Amino acid sequence: MATRQGTQVNDSDGRVNYSWSGLAQATSDVGSAVGTQEFMGNFTAQAVGTFGAAGAVALQGSSDGTNWATLDDAGGTPVSMTASTKIWRLGHVPKFLRPSVTAGDGTTNLTVNVSGVRL
């Protein structure tokens, strides 16, 4: 498992964006943990790139940066992003978050983008 470094970009429109690229299934990659900000809300997530055979990436959260669990969308469904380009609205965002590749093949190469609005 490789940990891919994420980046944070603050937009002038009041959004904070996190992005992780080069996520691959061949090594069951995870993104580096990023700390969310308590004054942020309305988070959305999207995965793009080459999913490969049955590729999927989960968005995980943690309260301590060590123990991780898959996050749910606003409707209570676990966030498992697949080949569709669906944009997920997150139901809750804990102190830390990261993407985790859960399925795919040697061609899987994904970028995960998460965006939140300053409240």
N, C-alpha and C. Protein backbone atom coordinates (compact mmCIF):
# COMPACT_ATOMS: atom_id res chain seq x y z
N MET A 1 0.84 -1.18 0.00
CA MET A 1 0.00 0.00 0.00
C MET A 1 0.89 1.24 0.00
N ALA A 2 0.59 2.12 -0.91
CA ALA A 2 1.31 3.39 -0.97
C ALA A 2 0.38 4.51 -0.51
N THR A 3 0.95 5.51 0.13
CA THR A 3 0.19 6.68 0.54
C THR A 3 0.51 7.82 -0.42
N ARG A 4 -0.50 8.30 -1.12
CA ARG A 4 -0.33 9.39 -2.08
C ARG A 4 -0.59 10.72 -1.38
N GLN A 5 0.31 11.64 -1.55
CA GLN A 5 0.21 12.94 -0.89
C GLN A 5 -0.92 13.77 -1.50
N GLY A 6 -1.74 14.34 -0.66
CA GLY A 6 -2.80 15.21 -1.11
C GLY A 6 -2.37 16.67 -1.08
N THR A 7 -3.13 17.49 -1.76
CA THR A 7 -2.87 18.92 -1.75
C THR A 7 -4.15 19.65 -1.34
N GLN A 8 -3.99 20.81 -0.76
CA GLN A 8 -5.12 21.65 -0.39
C GLN A 8 -5.00 22.97 -1.13
N VAL A 9 -6.12 23.41 -1.70
CA VAL A 9 -6.16 24.68 -2.40
C VAL A 9 -7.35 25.47 -1.87
N ASN A 10 -7.11 26.69 -1.42
CA ASN A 10 -8.19 27.57 -1.00
C ASN A 10 -8.54 28.48 -2.16
N ASP A 11 -9.79 28.42 -2.60
CA ASP A 11 -10.25 29.25 -3.71
C ASP A 11 -10.69 30.62 -3.21
N SER A 12 -10.67 31.58 -4.11
CA SER A 12 -11.12 32.93 -3.76
C SER A 12 -12.64 32.99 -3.58
N ASP A 13 -13.37 31.93 -4.00
CA ASP A 13 -14.82 31.93 -3.87
C ASP A 13 -15.29 31.35 -2.53
N GLY A 14 -14.34 31.10 -1.60
CA GLY A 14 -14.71 30.61 -0.29
C GLY A 14 -14.69 29.10 -0.15
N ARG A 15 -14.26 28.40 -1.17
CA ARG A 15 -14.18 26.94 -1.10
C ARG A 15 -12.78 26.51 -0.69
N VAL A 16 -12.72 25.36 -0.02
CA VAL A 16 -11.46 24.70 0.25
C VAL A 16 -11.51 23.37 -0.50
N ASN A 17 -10.49 23.09 -1.28
CA ASN A 17 -10.44 21.89 -2.10
C ASN A 17 -9.25 21.03 -1.72
N TYR A 18 -9.49 19.72 -1.63
CA TYR A 18 -8.43 18.74 -1.40
C TYR A 18 -8.37 17.85 -2.64
N SER A 19 -7.16 17.44 -3.04
CA SER A 19 -7.01 16.59 -4.21
C SER A 19 -5.87 15.59 -3.99
N TRP A 20 -6.13 14.35 -4.39
CA TRP A 20 -5.12 13.29 -4.36
C TRP A 20 -5.08 12.67 -5.74
N SER A 21 -3.89 12.52 -6.33
CA SER A 21 -3.78 11.92 -7.66
C SER A 21 -2.85 10.72 -7.62
N GLY A 22 -2.90 9.91 -8.69
CA GLY A 22 -2.04 8.74 -8.80
C GLY A 22 -2.46 7.58 -7.92
N LEU A 23 -3.73 7.55 -7.51
CA LEU A 23 -4.22 6.45 -6.67
C LEU A 23 -4.41 5.20 -7.52
N ALA A 24 -3.77 4.09 -7.14
CA ALA A 24 -3.78 2.87 -7.94
C ALA A 24 -4.23 1.68 -7.11
N GLN A 25 -4.89 0.71 -7.77
CA GLN A 25 -5.31 -0.51 -7.08
C GLN A 25 -4.16 -1.50 -6.95
N ALA A 26 -3.23 -1.47 -7.88
CA ALA A 26 -2.14 -2.45 -7.84
C ALA A 26 -1.44 -2.45 -6.48
N THR A 27 -1.47 -1.32 -5.80
CA THR A 27 -0.85 -1.23 -4.48
C THR A 27 -1.88 -0.88 -3.40
N SER A 28 -3.16 -0.89 -3.74
CA SER A 28 -4.23 -0.53 -2.79
C SER A 28 -3.94 0.79 -2.09
N ASP A 29 -3.68 1.81 -2.89
CA ASP A 29 -3.28 3.12 -2.38
C ASP A 29 -4.32 3.78 -1.49
N VAL A 30 -3.83 4.61 -0.60
CA VAL A 30 -4.66 5.52 0.18
C VAL A 30 -4.10 6.92 -0.02
N GLY A 31 -4.92 7.91 0.21
CA GLY A 31 -4.44 9.29 0.18
C GLY A 31 -3.95 9.69 1.56
N SER A 32 -3.05 10.64 1.60
CA SER A 32 -2.61 11.15 2.90
C SER A 32 -3.80 11.77 3.62
N ALA A 33 -3.82 11.65 4.92
CA ALA A 33 -4.91 12.21 5.71
C ALA A 33 -4.84 13.73 5.69
N VAL A 34 -5.98 14.35 5.54
CA VAL A 34 -6.04 15.80 5.66
C VAL A 34 -7.00 16.13 6.79
N GLY A 35 -6.67 17.15 7.53
CA GLY A 35 -7.53 17.61 8.60
C GLY A 35 -8.59 18.54 8.05
N THR A 36 -9.83 18.24 8.34
CA THR A 36 -10.90 19.13 7.90
C THR A 36 -10.97 20.30 8.87
N GLN A 37 -11.68 21.30 8.48
CA GLN A 37 -11.76 22.51 9.28
C GLN A 37 -13.17 22.64 9.83
N GLU A 38 -13.27 22.90 11.12
CA GLU A 38 -14.58 22.89 11.78
C GLU A 38 -15.54 23.94 11.24
N PHE A 39 -15.03 24.95 10.56
CA PHE A 39 -15.91 25.98 10.01
C PHE A 39 -16.26 25.69 8.54
N MET A 40 -16.08 24.44 8.13
CA MET A 40 -16.39 24.04 6.76
C MET A 40 -17.65 23.18 6.74
N GLY A 41 -18.38 23.24 5.66
CA GLY A 41 -19.58 22.42 5.50
C GLY A 41 -19.84 22.16 4.03
N ASN A 42 -20.93 21.48 3.76
CA ASN A 42 -21.37 21.19 2.39
C ASN A 42 -20.26 20.55 1.55
N PHE A 43 -19.66 19.48 2.07
CA PHE A 43 -18.60 18.80 1.35
C PHE A 43 -19.15 17.95 0.22
N THR A 44 -18.44 17.94 -0.89
CA THR A 44 -18.73 17.05 -2.01
C THR A 44 -17.45 16.34 -2.42
N ALA A 45 -17.59 15.19 -3.10
CA ALA A 45 -16.43 14.41 -3.53
C ALA A 45 -16.69 13.82 -4.90
N GLN A 46 -15.61 13.65 -5.67
CA GLN A 46 -15.70 13.04 -7.00
C GLN A 46 -14.37 12.36 -7.31
N ALA A 47 -14.45 11.18 -7.94
CA ALA A 47 -13.26 10.47 -8.42
C ALA A 47 -13.28 10.48 -9.93
N VAL A 48 -12.13 10.75 -10.54
CA VAL A 48 -12.00 10.76 -11.99
C VAL A 48 -10.72 10.02 -12.38
N GLY A 49 -10.67 9.57 -13.62
CA GLY A 49 -9.49 8.90 -14.12
C GLY A 49 -9.82 7.52 -14.67
N THR A 50 -8.84 6.62 -14.66
CA THR A 50 -9.01 5.26 -15.16
C THR A 50 -9.34 4.34 -13.99
N PHE A 51 -10.56 3.80 -14.01
CA PHE A 51 -10.99 2.94 -12.92
C PHE A 51 -10.50 1.50 -13.10
N GLY A 52 -10.24 1.07 -14.35
CA GLY A 52 -9.85 -0.31 -14.58
C GLY A 52 -11.04 -1.23 -14.36
N ALA A 53 -10.76 -2.53 -14.18
CA ALA A 53 -11.83 -3.51 -13.98
C ALA A 53 -12.45 -3.33 -12.61
N ALA A 54 -13.71 -2.91 -12.59
CA ALA A 54 -14.49 -2.75 -11.36
C ALA A 54 -13.82 -1.83 -10.35
N GLY A 55 -13.11 -0.84 -10.80
CA GLY A 55 -12.41 0.09 -9.90
C GLY A 55 -13.35 0.83 -8.97
N ALA A 56 -12.88 1.05 -7.76
CA ALA A 56 -13.68 1.78 -6.77
C ALA A 56 -12.74 2.41 -5.75
N VAL A 57 -13.17 3.54 -5.24
CA VAL A 57 -12.42 4.23 -4.19
C VAL A 57 -13.42 4.70 -3.14
N ALA A 58 -13.12 4.40 -1.88
CA ALA A 58 -13.97 4.83 -0.77
C ALA A 58 -13.40 6.12 -0.19
N LEU A 59 -14.27 6.91 0.39
CA LEU A 59 -13.82 8.07 1.13
C LEU A 59 -13.95 7.71 2.60
N GLN A 60 -12.84 7.82 3.31
CA GLN A 60 -12.80 7.40 4.71
C GLN A 60 -12.62 8.58 5.64
N GLY A 61 -13.11 8.42 6.87
CA GLY A 61 -12.94 9.43 7.88
C GLY A 61 -12.40 8.84 9.16
N SER A 62 -11.83 9.71 9.99
CA SER A 62 -11.25 9.29 11.26
C SER A 62 -11.33 10.44 12.26
N SER A 63 -11.51 10.09 13.51
CA SER A 63 -11.48 11.09 14.58
C SER A 63 -10.08 11.26 15.16
N ASP A 64 -9.21 10.24 14.93
CA ASP A 64 -7.88 10.29 15.53
C ASP A 64 -6.74 10.19 14.51
N GLY A 65 -7.04 10.05 13.23
CA GLY A 65 -6.01 9.95 12.20
C GLY A 65 -5.38 8.57 12.11
N THR A 66 -5.87 7.61 12.88
CA THR A 66 -5.33 6.25 12.89
C THR A 66 -6.37 5.21 12.51
N ASN A 67 -7.56 5.31 13.08
CA ASN A 67 -8.64 4.34 12.85
C ASN A 67 -9.61 4.92 11.83
N TRP A 68 -9.78 4.21 10.71
CA TRP A 68 -10.52 4.74 9.57
C TRP A 68 -11.80 3.94 9.32
N ALA A 69 -12.84 4.64 8.85
CA ALA A 69 -14.11 4.01 8.47
C ALA A 69 -14.64 4.74 7.24
N THR A 70 -15.37 4.02 6.39
CA THR A 70 -15.96 4.61 5.19
C THR A 70 -17.05 5.60 5.57
N LEU A 71 -17.00 6.77 4.95
CA LEU A 71 -18.01 7.81 5.18
C LEU A 71 -19.29 7.49 4.42
N ASP A 72 -20.40 8.04 4.88
CA ASP A 72 -21.68 7.94 4.19
C ASP A 72 -21.97 9.24 3.46
N ASP A 73 -22.77 9.12 2.39
CA ASP A 73 -23.24 10.34 1.73
C ASP A 73 -24.40 10.90 2.56
N ALA A 74 -24.98 11.99 2.09
CA ALA A 74 -26.04 12.66 2.84
C ALA A 74 -27.28 11.79 3.02
N GLY A 75 -27.44 10.76 2.17
CA GLY A 75 -28.58 9.86 2.28
C GLY A 75 -28.30 8.61 3.10
N GLY A 76 -27.07 8.49 3.64
CA GLY A 76 -26.73 7.34 4.47
C GLY A 76 -26.10 6.18 3.73
N THR A 77 -25.78 6.36 2.45
CA THR A 77 -25.14 5.30 1.65
C THR A 77 -23.63 5.44 1.74
N PRO A 78 -22.89 4.34 2.01
CA PRO A 78 -21.43 4.44 2.05
C PRO A 78 -20.87 4.98 0.73
N VAL A 79 -19.92 5.89 0.83
CA VAL A 79 -19.32 6.50 -0.37
C VAL A 79 -18.31 5.52 -0.97
N SER A 80 -18.71 4.92 -2.10
CA SER A 80 -17.83 4.06 -2.88
C SER A 80 -17.91 4.55 -4.32
N MET A 81 -16.93 5.34 -4.71
CA MET A 81 -16.94 5.97 -6.03
C MET A 81 -16.45 4.98 -7.07
N THR A 82 -17.25 4.82 -8.13
CA THR A 82 -16.93 3.89 -9.21
C THR A 82 -16.83 4.65 -10.52
N ALA A 83 -16.85 3.93 -11.62
CA ALA A 83 -16.60 4.52 -12.94
C ALA A 83 -17.56 5.64 -13.32
N SER A 84 -18.70 5.74 -12.64
CA SER A 84 -19.58 6.87 -12.94
C SER A 84 -18.92 8.14 -12.40
N THR A 85 -19.24 9.26 -12.99
CA THR A 85 -18.64 10.52 -12.56
C THR A 85 -19.54 11.26 -11.58
N LYS A 86 -20.29 10.50 -10.83
CA LYS A 86 -21.21 11.06 -9.83
C LYS A 86 -20.45 11.95 -8.85
N ILE A 87 -21.09 13.04 -8.46
CA ILE A 87 -20.55 13.88 -7.40
C ILE A 87 -21.33 13.54 -6.13
N TRP A 88 -20.59 13.15 -5.11
CA TRP A 88 -21.18 12.72 -3.84
C TRP A 88 -21.29 13.89 -2.88
N ARG A 89 -22.43 14.05 -2.25
CA ARG A 89 -22.60 15.02 -1.17
C ARG A 89 -22.42 14.26 0.13
N LEU A 90 -21.48 14.68 0.95
CA LEU A 90 -21.15 13.93 2.15
C LEU A 90 -22.08 14.27 3.30
N GLY A 91 -22.51 13.23 4.02
CA GLY A 91 -23.43 13.41 5.13
C GLY A 91 -22.76 13.97 6.37
N HIS A 92 -21.51 13.64 6.56
CA HIS A 92 -20.76 14.14 7.71
C HIS A 92 -19.28 14.07 7.37
N VAL A 93 -18.51 14.92 7.96
CA VAL A 93 -17.07 14.91 7.73
C VAL A 93 -16.39 14.99 9.09
N PRO A 94 -15.67 13.93 9.47
CA PRO A 94 -14.97 13.95 10.76
C PRO A 94 -13.70 14.79 10.69
N LYS A 95 -12.92 14.73 11.74
CA LYS A 95 -11.72 15.55 11.86
C LYS A 95 -10.71 15.31 10.73
N PHE A 96 -10.56 14.05 10.29
CA PHE A 96 -9.63 13.71 9.20
C PHE A 96 -10.37 12.96 8.11
N LEU A 97 -9.91 13.13 6.87
CA LEU A 97 -10.45 12.34 5.78
C LEU A 97 -9.36 11.97 4.79
N ARG A 98 -9.64 10.89 4.01
CA ARG A 98 -8.72 10.41 2.99
C ARG A 98 -9.47 9.49 2.04
N PRO A 99 -8.98 9.33 0.80
CA PRO A 99 -9.52 8.33 -0.10
C PRO A 99 -8.76 7.02 0.08
N SER A 100 -9.42 5.91 -0.23
CA SER A 100 -8.79 4.59 -0.17
C SER A 100 -9.28 3.75 -1.34
N VAL A 101 -8.37 3.33 -2.22
CA VAL A 101 -8.74 2.49 -3.36
C VAL A 101 -9.11 1.11 -2.83
N THR A 102 -10.32 0.64 -3.18
CA THR A 102 -10.81 -0.64 -2.66
C THR A 102 -10.94 -1.71 -3.73
N ALA A 103 -10.89 -1.34 -5.01
CA ALA A 103 -11.01 -2.33 -6.09
C ALA A 103 -10.44 -1.74 -7.37
N GLY A 104 -10.11 -2.62 -8.29
CA GLY A 104 -9.57 -2.21 -9.58
C GLY A 104 -8.55 -3.21 -10.06
N ASP A 105 -7.72 -2.78 -10.99
CA ASP A 105 -6.68 -3.66 -11.52
C ASP A 105 -5.42 -2.84 -11.77
N GLY A 106 -4.49 -3.40 -12.52
CA GLY A 106 -3.21 -2.73 -12.77
C GLY A 106 -3.32 -1.45 -13.56
N THR A 107 -4.47 -1.19 -14.19
CA THR A 107 -4.63 0.05 -14.97
C THR A 107 -5.30 1.16 -14.16
N THR A 108 -5.78 0.83 -12.96
CA THR A 108 -6.47 1.82 -12.12
C THR A 108 -5.53 2.98 -11.79
N ASN A 109 -5.96 4.19 -12.09
CA ASN A 109 -5.18 5.40 -11.82
C ASN A 109 -6.17 6.55 -11.63
N LEU A 110 -6.41 6.93 -10.38
CA LEU A 110 -7.50 7.85 -10.06
C LEU A 110 -7.02 9.12 -9.38
N THR A 111 -7.82 10.14 -9.55
CA THR A 111 -7.69 11.38 -8.80
C THR A 111 -8.99 11.58 -8.04
N VAL A 112 -8.89 11.88 -6.76
CA VAL A 112 -10.07 12.15 -5.94
C VAL A 112 -10.02 13.61 -5.51
N ASN A 113 -11.14 14.29 -5.73
CA ASN A 113 -11.26 15.71 -5.36
C ASN A 113 -12.39 15.86 -4.34
N VAL A 114 -12.11 16.58 -3.26
CA VAL A 114 -13.11 16.88 -2.23
C VAL A 114 -13.15 18.40 -2.08
N SER A 115 -14.35 18.93 -1.97
CA SER A 115 -14.51 20.38 -1.87
C SER A 115 -15.49 20.70 -0.76
N GLY A 116 -15.19 21.74 0.01
CA GLY A 116 -16.08 22.20 1.07
C GLY A 116 -16.23 23.71 1.03
N VAL A 117 -17.30 24.19 1.62
CA VAL A 117 -17.60 25.62 1.63
C VAL A 117 -17.36 26.17 3.03
N ARG A 118 -16.74 27.36 3.09
CA ARG A 118 -16.58 28.03 4.38
C ARG A 118 -17.95 28.52 4.86
N LEU A 119 -18.26 28.21 6.09
CA LEU A 119 -19.57 28.60 6.63
C LEU A 119 -19.51 29.98 7.25
